[in-house]
Amino acid sequence: MTVFLIGFMGSGKTTFGKKLAAKLKLNFIDLDEKICIANKVESINSLIELKGFDYFRKTESETLKSISIGNSLVSTGGGTPCYFNNIDWMKQNGTVVFIQVDEGVLLSRLKNTDLDQRPLLKGLDEEGLKTFISEKLKERLPFYEQAHFVFNPVNEKIEVLVEKIQKL
């Protein structure tokens, strides 16, 4: 079984993903971490500064498709499903779960992180961050909503999702 977690940055894909992987008895894979290791950089931010967004998105897709699937839960980047038909590939090769939290939760979580470590958020103030989240979420929702399951960890129980995934 392979599960792919998709959702906006700050939705909790990594934190929630580790818990879900443990409950499903799957290996946890962080796609960004794999990309950093393969490119010998400390962070996605460093990679983008060195090589640019186009290189990052291409590498992200190649890395995603090179992961040996099976018995794994893969936490993807916020934009992963939106490029190079990645959402179609994930749906064909596993179960896709959209971690959906509302804009207020995203804003609250993201404004309490180091925005300079997130290339798309660098230099934004709170109002700019709020606008960015709203606009980027609208742009990405058509991709996110193609997931097999939509799950809101703020008001749904992980056990319900585990049951749904196991039935599928």
N, C-alpha and C. Protein backbone atom coordinates (compact mmCIF):
# COMPACT_ATOMS: atom_id res chain seq x y z
N MET A 1 0.85 -1.18 0.00
CA MET A 1 0.00 0.00 0.00
C MET A 1 0.89 1.24 0.00
N THR A 2 0.53 2.21 -0.83
CA THR A 2 1.21 3.50 -0.84
C THR A 2 0.17 4.59 -0.66
N VAL A 3 0.45 5.54 0.23
CA VAL A 3 -0.43 6.68 0.49
C VAL A 3 0.36 7.95 0.22
N PHE A 4 -0.23 8.86 -0.52
CA PHE A 4 0.38 10.17 -0.77
C PHE A 4 -0.45 11.22 -0.05
N LEU A 5 0.21 12.06 0.75
CA LEU A 5 -0.46 13.18 1.41
C LEU A 5 -0.20 14.44 0.61
N ILE A 6 -1.28 15.14 0.26
CA ILE A 6 -1.16 16.41 -0.43
C ILE A 6 -1.89 17.47 0.38
N GLY A 7 -1.57 18.72 0.14
CA GLY A 7 -2.23 19.81 0.83
C GLY A 7 -1.33 21.02 0.88
N PHE A 8 -1.89 22.13 1.28
CA PHE A 8 -1.17 23.39 1.31
C PHE A 8 -0.06 23.36 2.35
N MET A 9 0.98 24.18 2.14
CA MET A 9 2.03 24.28 3.16
C MET A 9 1.39 24.72 4.47
N GLY A 10 1.85 24.10 5.55
CA GLY A 10 1.28 24.43 6.86
C GLY A 10 0.05 23.62 7.22
N SER A 11 -0.39 22.73 6.32
CA SER A 11 -1.59 21.95 6.62
C SER A 11 -1.29 20.79 7.59
N GLY A 12 -0.02 20.47 7.75
CA GLY A 12 0.36 19.42 8.69
C GLY A 12 0.70 18.09 8.03
N LYS A 13 1.08 18.13 6.76
CA LYS A 13 1.36 16.88 6.04
C LYS A 13 2.46 16.06 6.71
N THR A 14 3.51 16.72 7.16
CA THR A 14 4.62 15.98 7.77
C THR A 14 4.25 15.49 9.16
N THR A 15 3.76 16.37 10.00
CA THR A 15 3.40 16.00 11.37
C THR A 15 2.30 14.93 11.38
N PHE A 16 1.22 15.21 10.66
CA PHE A 16 0.10 14.27 10.59
C PHE A 16 0.54 13.00 9.86
N GLY A 17 1.35 13.16 8.83
CA GLY A 17 1.80 12.03 8.03
C GLY A 17 2.55 10.99 8.84
N LYS A 18 3.37 11.45 9.78
CA LYS A 18 4.12 10.51 10.63
C LYS A 18 3.16 9.70 11.50
N LYS A 19 2.13 10.36 12.02
CA LYS A 19 1.14 9.66 12.85
C LYS A 19 0.35 8.66 12.02
N LEU A 20 -0.08 9.09 10.83
CA LEU A 20 -0.86 8.22 9.96
C LEU A 20 -0.03 7.03 9.49
N ALA A 21 1.22 7.27 9.15
CA ALA A 21 2.12 6.18 8.72
C ALA A 21 2.26 5.15 9.83
N ALA A 22 2.41 5.60 11.06
CA ALA A 22 2.54 4.68 12.19
C ALA A 22 1.28 3.84 12.35
N LYS A 23 0.11 4.48 12.26
CA LYS A 23 -1.16 3.75 12.41
C LYS A 23 -1.36 2.74 11.29
N LEU A 24 -0.91 3.08 10.08
CA LEU A 24 -1.07 2.18 8.93
C LEU A 24 0.10 1.20 8.79
N LYS A 25 1.09 1.35 9.68
CA LYS A 25 2.31 0.53 9.64
C LYS A 25 3.03 0.66 8.30
N LEU A 26 3.20 1.93 7.87
CA LEU A 26 3.89 2.24 6.61
C LEU A 26 5.16 3.03 6.91
N ASN A 27 6.14 2.94 6.02
CA ASN A 27 7.33 3.77 6.12
C ASN A 27 6.95 5.20 5.79
N PHE A 28 7.49 6.17 6.53
CA PHE A 28 7.21 7.58 6.26
C PHE A 28 8.31 8.14 5.37
N ILE A 29 7.91 8.78 4.28
CA ILE A 29 8.86 9.42 3.36
C ILE A 29 8.46 10.88 3.19
N ASP A 30 9.40 11.78 3.43
CA ASP A 30 9.18 13.20 3.21
C ASP A 30 9.83 13.54 1.86
N LEU A 31 9.01 13.91 0.89
CA LEU A 31 9.51 14.17 -0.47
C LEU A 31 10.56 15.28 -0.47
N ASP A 32 10.32 16.36 0.26
CA ASP A 32 11.29 17.46 0.30
C ASP A 32 12.64 16.98 0.83
N GLU A 33 12.61 16.13 1.84
CA GLU A 33 13.84 15.59 2.41
C GLU A 33 14.61 14.76 1.37
N LYS A 34 13.88 13.94 0.62
CA LYS A 34 14.49 13.13 -0.45
C LYS A 34 15.16 14.03 -1.49
N ILE A 35 14.48 15.11 -1.86
CA ILE A 35 15.00 16.04 -2.86
C ILE A 35 16.28 16.70 -2.34
N CYS A 36 16.28 17.11 -1.08
CA CYS A 36 17.45 17.74 -0.48
C CYS A 36 18.64 16.79 -0.46
N ILE A 37 18.41 15.55 -0.05
CA ILE A 37 19.48 14.55 0.00
C ILE A 37 20.05 14.31 -1.40
N ALA A 38 19.17 14.12 -2.37
CA ALA A 38 19.60 13.84 -3.74
C ALA A 38 20.40 14.99 -4.34
N ASN A 39 20.06 16.22 -3.95
CA ASN A 39 20.73 17.39 -4.50
C ASN A 39 21.81 17.96 -3.58
N LYS A 40 22.06 17.26 -2.47
CA LYS A 40 23.11 17.65 -1.52
C LYS A 40 22.96 19.10 -1.06
N VAL A 41 21.73 19.45 -0.68
CA VAL A 41 21.47 20.79 -0.14
C VAL A 41 20.79 20.65 1.22
N GLU A 42 20.85 21.71 2.00
CA GLU A 42 20.29 21.70 3.35
C GLU A 42 18.77 21.86 3.35
N SER A 43 18.25 22.59 2.35
CA SER A 43 16.82 22.87 2.34
C SER A 43 16.33 23.10 0.91
N ILE A 44 15.02 23.03 0.75
CA ILE A 44 14.41 23.34 -0.56
C ILE A 44 14.71 24.79 -0.91
N ASN A 45 14.69 25.64 0.09
CA ASN A 45 15.01 27.05 -0.10
C ASN A 45 16.40 27.20 -0.75
N SER A 46 17.39 26.47 -0.24
CA SER A 46 18.75 26.52 -0.80
C SER A 46 18.76 26.04 -2.25
N LEU A 47 18.04 24.96 -2.51
CA LEU A 47 17.99 24.42 -3.86
C LEU A 47 17.40 25.43 -4.84
N ILE A 48 16.31 26.07 -4.44
CA ILE A 48 15.67 27.05 -5.31
C ILE A 48 16.57 28.25 -5.53
N GLU A 49 17.28 28.68 -4.48
CA GLU A 49 18.21 29.80 -4.64
C GLU A 49 19.35 29.45 -5.60
N LEU A 50 19.81 28.20 -5.53
CA LEU A 50 20.92 27.76 -6.39
C LEU A 50 20.48 27.50 -7.83
N LYS A 51 19.34 26.83 -8.01
CA LYS A 51 18.97 26.33 -9.34
C LYS A 51 17.68 26.91 -9.91
N GLY A 52 16.85 27.57 -9.08
CA GLY A 52 15.61 28.16 -9.55
C GLY A 52 14.40 27.25 -9.39
N PHE A 53 13.21 27.86 -9.51
CA PHE A 53 11.95 27.14 -9.32
C PHE A 53 11.71 26.07 -10.38
N ASP A 54 12.03 26.37 -11.63
CA ASP A 54 11.79 25.38 -12.70
C ASP A 54 12.57 24.10 -12.44
N TYR A 55 13.84 24.24 -12.07
CA TYR A 55 14.65 23.07 -11.76
C TYR A 55 14.03 22.31 -10.58
N PHE A 56 13.64 23.06 -9.54
CA PHE A 56 13.04 22.42 -8.36
C PHE A 56 11.80 21.62 -8.75
N ARG A 57 10.88 22.22 -9.50
CA ARG A 57 9.64 21.52 -9.85
C ARG A 57 9.93 20.28 -10.69
N LYS A 58 10.87 20.36 -11.60
CA LYS A 58 11.24 19.20 -12.44
C LYS A 58 11.84 18.09 -11.56
N THR A 59 12.76 18.49 -10.69
CA THR A 59 13.40 17.53 -9.78
C THR A 59 12.39 16.91 -8.82
N GLU A 60 11.46 17.74 -8.36
CA GLU A 60 10.41 17.26 -7.45
C GLU A 60 9.60 16.15 -8.12
N SER A 61 9.21 16.36 -9.37
CA SER A 61 8.43 15.37 -10.11
C SER A 61 9.25 14.10 -10.35
N GLU A 62 10.50 14.27 -10.74
CA GLU A 62 11.37 13.11 -10.99
C GLU A 62 11.59 12.31 -9.70
N THR A 63 11.79 13.02 -8.60
CA THR A 63 12.02 12.34 -7.31
C THR A 63 10.77 11.60 -6.87
N LEU A 64 9.62 12.24 -7.00
CA LEU A 64 8.35 11.61 -6.66
C LEU A 64 8.20 10.28 -7.42
N LYS A 65 8.44 10.34 -8.71
CA LYS A 65 8.22 9.17 -9.57
C LYS A 65 9.32 8.12 -9.44
N SER A 66 10.40 8.46 -8.74
CA SER A 66 11.49 7.49 -8.57
C SER A 66 11.41 6.76 -7.22
N ILE A 67 10.51 7.22 -6.35
CA ILE A 67 10.37 6.58 -5.04
C ILE A 67 9.83 5.17 -5.26
N SER A 68 10.48 4.20 -4.60
CA SER A 68 9.95 2.84 -4.75
C SER A 68 8.70 2.76 -3.89
N ILE A 69 7.58 2.72 -4.59
CA ILE A 69 6.30 2.74 -3.90
C ILE A 69 6.00 1.37 -3.31
N GLY A 70 5.12 1.36 -2.39
CA GLY A 70 4.77 0.11 -1.70
C GLY A 70 5.14 0.24 -0.24
N ASN A 71 4.19 0.01 0.63
CA ASN A 71 4.41 0.04 2.07
C ASN A 71 4.96 1.38 2.55
N SER A 72 4.51 2.48 1.90
CA SER A 72 5.03 3.80 2.26
C SER A 72 3.93 4.84 2.30
N LEU A 73 4.15 5.85 3.12
CA LEU A 73 3.33 7.05 3.12
C LEU A 73 4.27 8.18 2.72
N VAL A 74 3.91 8.90 1.66
CA VAL A 74 4.76 9.96 1.13
C VAL A 74 4.10 11.31 1.40
N SER A 75 4.79 12.15 2.15
CA SER A 75 4.35 13.52 2.39
C SER A 75 4.94 14.38 1.28
N THR A 76 4.09 15.02 0.49
CA THR A 76 4.55 15.80 -0.66
C THR A 76 4.62 17.28 -0.30
N GLY A 77 5.21 18.05 -1.20
CA GLY A 77 5.22 19.50 -1.04
C GLY A 77 3.86 20.07 -1.44
N GLY A 78 3.58 21.28 -1.01
CA GLY A 78 2.28 21.89 -1.29
C GLY A 78 1.94 22.01 -2.76
N GLY A 79 2.95 22.22 -3.60
CA GLY A 79 2.69 22.38 -5.03
C GLY A 79 2.87 21.10 -5.84
N THR A 80 3.34 20.04 -5.22
CA THR A 80 3.64 18.80 -5.94
C THR A 80 2.52 18.33 -6.87
N PRO A 81 1.27 18.28 -6.42
CA PRO A 81 0.22 17.74 -7.30
C PRO A 81 -0.11 18.63 -8.50
N CYS A 82 0.39 19.86 -8.49
CA CYS A 82 -0.02 20.85 -9.49
C CYS A 82 0.87 20.88 -10.74
N TYR A 83 1.90 20.07 -10.81
CA TYR A 83 2.86 20.13 -11.92
C TYR A 83 3.10 18.75 -12.52
N PHE A 84 3.43 18.74 -13.80
CA PHE A 84 3.87 17.54 -14.53
C PHE A 84 2.95 16.33 -14.34
N ASN A 85 1.64 16.56 -14.27
CA ASN A 85 0.67 15.48 -14.08
C ASN A 85 0.96 14.62 -12.84
N ASN A 86 1.59 15.22 -11.84
CA ASN A 86 1.94 14.47 -10.62
C ASN A 86 0.70 13.92 -9.93
N ILE A 87 -0.40 14.67 -9.93
CA ILE A 87 -1.62 14.19 -9.26
C ILE A 87 -2.12 12.92 -9.93
N ASP A 88 -2.08 12.87 -11.26
CA ASP A 88 -2.52 11.66 -11.98
C ASP A 88 -1.62 10.48 -11.65
N TRP A 89 -0.31 10.72 -11.60
CA TRP A 89 0.63 9.66 -11.30
C TRP A 89 0.39 9.12 -9.89
N MET A 90 0.19 10.04 -8.93
CA MET A 90 -0.05 9.60 -7.55
C MET A 90 -1.34 8.78 -7.46
N LYS A 91 -2.39 9.23 -8.14
CA LYS A 91 -3.67 8.50 -8.09
C LYS A 91 -3.54 7.11 -8.71
N GLN A 92 -2.70 6.97 -9.71
CA GLN A 92 -2.52 5.66 -10.36
C GLN A 92 -1.64 4.73 -9.54
N ASN A 93 -0.81 5.32 -8.65
CA ASN A 93 0.17 4.52 -7.93
C ASN A 93 -0.06 4.43 -6.43
N GLY A 94 -1.20 4.91 -5.97
CA GLY A 94 -1.47 4.83 -4.54
C GLY A 94 -2.78 5.51 -4.19
N THR A 95 -2.98 5.69 -2.90
CA THR A 95 -4.14 6.38 -2.37
C THR A 95 -3.72 7.80 -2.04
N VAL A 96 -4.47 8.78 -2.54
CA VAL A 96 -4.12 10.18 -2.32
C VAL A 96 -5.08 10.78 -1.29
N VAL A 97 -4.51 11.41 -0.27
CA VAL A 97 -5.28 12.04 0.78
C VAL A 97 -4.95 13.53 0.80
N PHE A 98 -5.98 14.35 0.67
CA PHE A 98 -5.83 15.81 0.75
C PHE A 98 -6.05 16.23 2.19
N ILE A 99 -5.01 16.76 2.82
CA ILE A 99 -5.11 17.29 4.17
C ILE A 99 -5.62 18.73 4.03
N GLN A 100 -6.88 18.91 4.39
CA GLN A 100 -7.54 20.20 4.18
C GLN A 100 -7.79 20.89 5.51
N VAL A 101 -7.19 22.06 5.65
CA VAL A 101 -7.48 22.91 6.81
C VAL A 101 -7.84 24.28 6.28
N ASP A 102 -8.62 25.04 7.04
CA ASP A 102 -9.09 26.32 6.50
C ASP A 102 -7.99 27.39 6.51
N GLU A 103 -8.27 28.46 5.79
CA GLU A 103 -7.29 29.52 5.59
C GLU A 103 -6.81 30.14 6.90
N GLY A 104 -7.72 30.28 7.87
CA GLY A 104 -7.35 30.84 9.17
C GLY A 104 -6.32 30.00 9.89
N VAL A 105 -6.49 28.68 9.83
CA VAL A 105 -5.53 27.76 10.46
C VAL A 105 -4.19 27.85 9.73
N LEU A 106 -4.23 27.87 8.40
CA LEU A 106 -2.98 27.99 7.63
C LEU A 106 -2.24 29.27 7.98
N LEU A 107 -2.98 30.39 8.03
CA LEU A 107 -2.36 31.68 8.35
C LEU A 107 -1.73 31.63 9.74
N SER A 108 -2.47 31.11 10.70
CA SER A 108 -1.97 31.02 12.07
C SER A 108 -0.69 30.19 12.14
N ARG A 109 -0.68 29.06 11.47
CA ARG A 109 0.50 28.18 11.50
C ARG A 109 1.67 28.80 10.76
N LEU A 110 1.42 29.33 9.56
CA LEU A 110 2.52 29.83 8.74
C LEU A 110 3.14 31.10 9.29
N LYS A 111 2.34 31.98 9.88
CA LYS A 111 2.92 33.23 10.40
C LYS A 111 3.82 32.96 11.60
N ASN A 112 3.70 31.79 12.20
CA ASN A 112 4.56 31.42 13.32
C ASN A 112 5.76 30.59 12.91
N THR A 113 6.06 30.57 11.60
CA THR A 113 7.26 29.88 11.11
C THR A 113 8.21 30.93 10.54
N ASP A 114 9.39 30.51 10.17
CA ASP A 114 10.35 31.41 9.54
C ASP A 114 10.00 31.51 8.06
N LEU A 115 9.28 32.57 7.69
CA LEU A 115 8.81 32.72 6.32
C LEU A 115 9.96 32.77 5.32
N ASP A 116 11.12 33.24 5.76
CA ASP A 116 12.26 33.32 4.85
C ASP A 116 12.78 31.94 4.45
N GLN A 117 12.38 30.91 5.19
CA GLN A 117 12.77 29.55 4.83
C GLN A 117 11.79 28.90 3.85
N ARG A 118 10.75 29.63 3.52
CA ARG A 118 9.75 29.14 2.55
C ARG A 118 9.82 30.07 1.34
N PRO A 119 10.41 29.58 0.25
CA PRO A 119 10.68 30.45 -0.90
C PRO A 119 9.49 31.27 -1.40
N LEU A 120 8.30 30.70 -1.40
CA LEU A 120 7.14 31.43 -1.91
C LEU A 120 6.64 32.50 -0.93
N LEU A 121 7.09 32.43 0.32
CA LEU A 121 6.59 33.35 1.35
C LEU A 121 7.61 34.40 1.77
N LYS A 122 8.80 34.29 1.24
CA LYS A 122 9.90 35.19 1.62
C LYS A 122 9.48 36.65 1.49
N GLY A 123 9.68 37.40 2.57
CA GLY A 123 9.44 38.83 2.54
C GLY A 123 7.99 39.27 2.71
N LEU A 124 7.07 38.34 2.92
CA LEU A 124 5.66 38.72 3.08
C LEU A 124 5.37 39.16 4.51
N ASP A 125 4.54 40.20 4.65
CA ASP A 125 4.04 40.56 5.97
C ASP A 125 2.74 39.77 6.18
N GLU A 126 2.07 39.97 7.32
CA GLU A 126 0.88 39.17 7.61
C GLU A 126 -0.22 39.35 6.57
N GLU A 127 -0.43 40.58 6.11
CA GLU A 127 -1.47 40.84 5.11
C GLU A 127 -1.11 40.17 3.78
N GLY A 128 0.17 40.27 3.40
CA GLY A 128 0.64 39.63 2.17
C GLY A 128 0.51 38.12 2.25
N LEU A 129 0.79 37.57 3.43
CA LEU A 129 0.67 36.13 3.66
C LEU A 129 -0.78 35.69 3.52
N LYS A 130 -1.67 36.47 4.10
CA LYS A 130 -3.10 36.16 4.03
C LYS A 130 -3.58 36.14 2.58
N THR A 131 -3.18 37.13 1.80
CA THR A 131 -3.54 37.23 0.39
C THR A 131 -2.94 36.07 -0.40
N PHE A 132 -1.67 35.76 -0.13
CA PHE A 132 -1.00 34.66 -0.82
C PHE A 132 -1.73 33.34 -0.58
N ILE A 133 -2.05 33.06 0.67
CA ILE A 133 -2.74 31.81 1.02
C ILE A 133 -4.06 31.72 0.26
N SER A 134 -4.83 32.78 0.30
CA SER A 134 -6.15 32.79 -0.34
C SER A 134 -6.03 32.55 -1.85
N GLU A 135 -5.13 33.27 -2.50
CA GLU A 135 -4.99 33.15 -3.97
C GLU A 135 -4.39 31.81 -4.38
N LYS A 136 -3.35 31.38 -3.69
CA LYS A 136 -2.67 30.13 -4.06
C LYS A 136 -3.56 28.92 -3.77
N LEU A 137 -4.34 29.01 -2.70
CA LEU A 137 -5.25 27.91 -2.37
C LEU A 137 -6.31 27.76 -3.46
N LYS A 138 -6.86 28.86 -3.93
CA LYS A 138 -7.85 28.81 -5.03
C LYS A 138 -7.25 28.17 -6.27
N GLU A 139 -6.01 28.50 -6.56
CA GLU A 139 -5.30 27.98 -7.73
C GLU A 139 -5.05 26.47 -7.59
N ARG A 140 -4.74 26.02 -6.39
CA ARG A 140 -4.36 24.62 -6.18
C ARG A 140 -5.53 23.69 -5.86
N LEU A 141 -6.64 24.23 -5.40
CA LEU A 141 -7.78 23.38 -5.01
C LEU A 141 -8.23 22.40 -6.09
N PRO A 142 -8.29 22.82 -7.36
CA PRO A 142 -8.71 21.84 -8.39
C PRO A 142 -7.81 20.60 -8.44
N PHE A 143 -6.55 20.75 -8.07
CA PHE A 143 -5.64 19.60 -8.02
C PHE A 143 -5.85 18.82 -6.72
N TYR A 144 -5.89 19.54 -5.61
CA TYR A 144 -6.07 18.90 -4.30
C TYR A 144 -7.37 18.10 -4.25
N GLU A 145 -8.42 18.64 -4.84
CA GLU A 145 -9.73 17.99 -4.75
C GLU A 145 -9.85 16.71 -5.58
N GLN A 146 -8.82 16.38 -6.34
CA GLN A 146 -8.81 15.12 -7.09
C GLN A 146 -8.40 13.94 -6.22
N ALA A 147 -8.02 14.21 -4.99
CA ALA A 147 -7.59 13.14 -4.07
C ALA A 147 -8.71 12.14 -3.84
N HIS A 148 -8.33 10.93 -3.47
CA HIS A 148 -9.31 9.89 -3.14
C HIS A 148 -10.10 10.28 -1.88
N PHE A 149 -9.39 10.90 -0.92
CA PHE A 149 -10.02 11.29 0.34
C PHE A 149 -9.62 12.71 0.70
N VAL A 150 -10.55 13.42 1.32
CA VAL A 150 -10.28 14.74 1.90
C VAL A 150 -10.38 14.55 3.41
N PHE A 151 -9.38 15.03 4.12
CA PHE A 151 -9.34 14.84 5.57
C PHE A 151 -8.94 16.14 6.25
N ASN A 152 -9.71 16.52 7.27
CA ASN A 152 -9.39 17.70 8.06
C ASN A 152 -8.95 17.24 9.45
N PRO A 153 -7.65 17.28 9.73
CA PRO A 153 -7.16 16.78 11.03
C PRO A 153 -7.59 17.63 12.21
N VAL A 154 -8.11 18.83 11.95
CA VAL A 154 -8.56 19.70 13.04
C VAL A 154 -9.86 19.18 13.64
N ASN A 155 -10.76 18.63 12.79
CA ASN A 155 -12.05 18.20 13.34
C ASN A 155 -12.47 16.78 12.95
N GLU A 156 -11.52 15.97 12.45
CA GLU A 156 -11.83 14.57 12.15
C GLU A 156 -10.82 13.68 12.87
N LYS A 157 -11.24 12.47 13.16
CA LYS A 157 -10.37 11.53 13.86
C LYS A 157 -9.54 10.71 12.87
N ILE A 158 -8.27 10.53 13.21
CA ILE A 158 -7.34 9.79 12.36
C ILE A 158 -7.82 8.35 12.13
N GLU A 159 -8.48 7.76 13.14
CA GLU A 159 -8.94 6.37 13.02
C GLU A 159 -9.96 6.20 11.89
N VAL A 160 -10.77 7.23 11.67
CA VAL A 160 -11.77 7.18 10.59
C VAL A 160 -11.06 7.13 9.23
N LEU A 161 -10.02 7.95 9.09
CA LEU A 161 -9.25 7.95 7.83
C LEU A 161 -8.54 6.61 7.65
N VAL A 162 -7.95 6.09 8.70
CA VAL A 162 -7.25 4.80 8.62
C VAL A 162 -8.21 3.74 8.10
N GLU A 163 -9.42 3.71 8.65
CA GLU A 163 -10.43 2.73 8.24
C GLU A 163 -10.78 2.89 6.74
N LYS A 164 -10.98 4.13 6.30
CA LYS A 164 -11.32 4.39 4.90
C LYS A 164 -10.21 3.92 3.96
N ILE A 165 -8.96 4.22 4.32
CA ILE A 165 -7.82 3.84 3.49
C ILE A 165 -7.72 2.33 3.43
N GLN A 166 -7.86 1.68 4.56
CA GLN A 166 -7.75 0.23 4.58
C GLN A 166 -8.87 -0.45 3.77
N LYS A 167 -10.06 0.14 3.75
CA LYS A 167 -11.16 -0.42 2.95
C LYS A 167 -10.87 -0.28 1.47
N LEU A 168 -10.26 0.84 1.07
CA LEU A 168 -9.96 1.07 -0.34
C LEU A 168 -8.91 0.10 -0.82
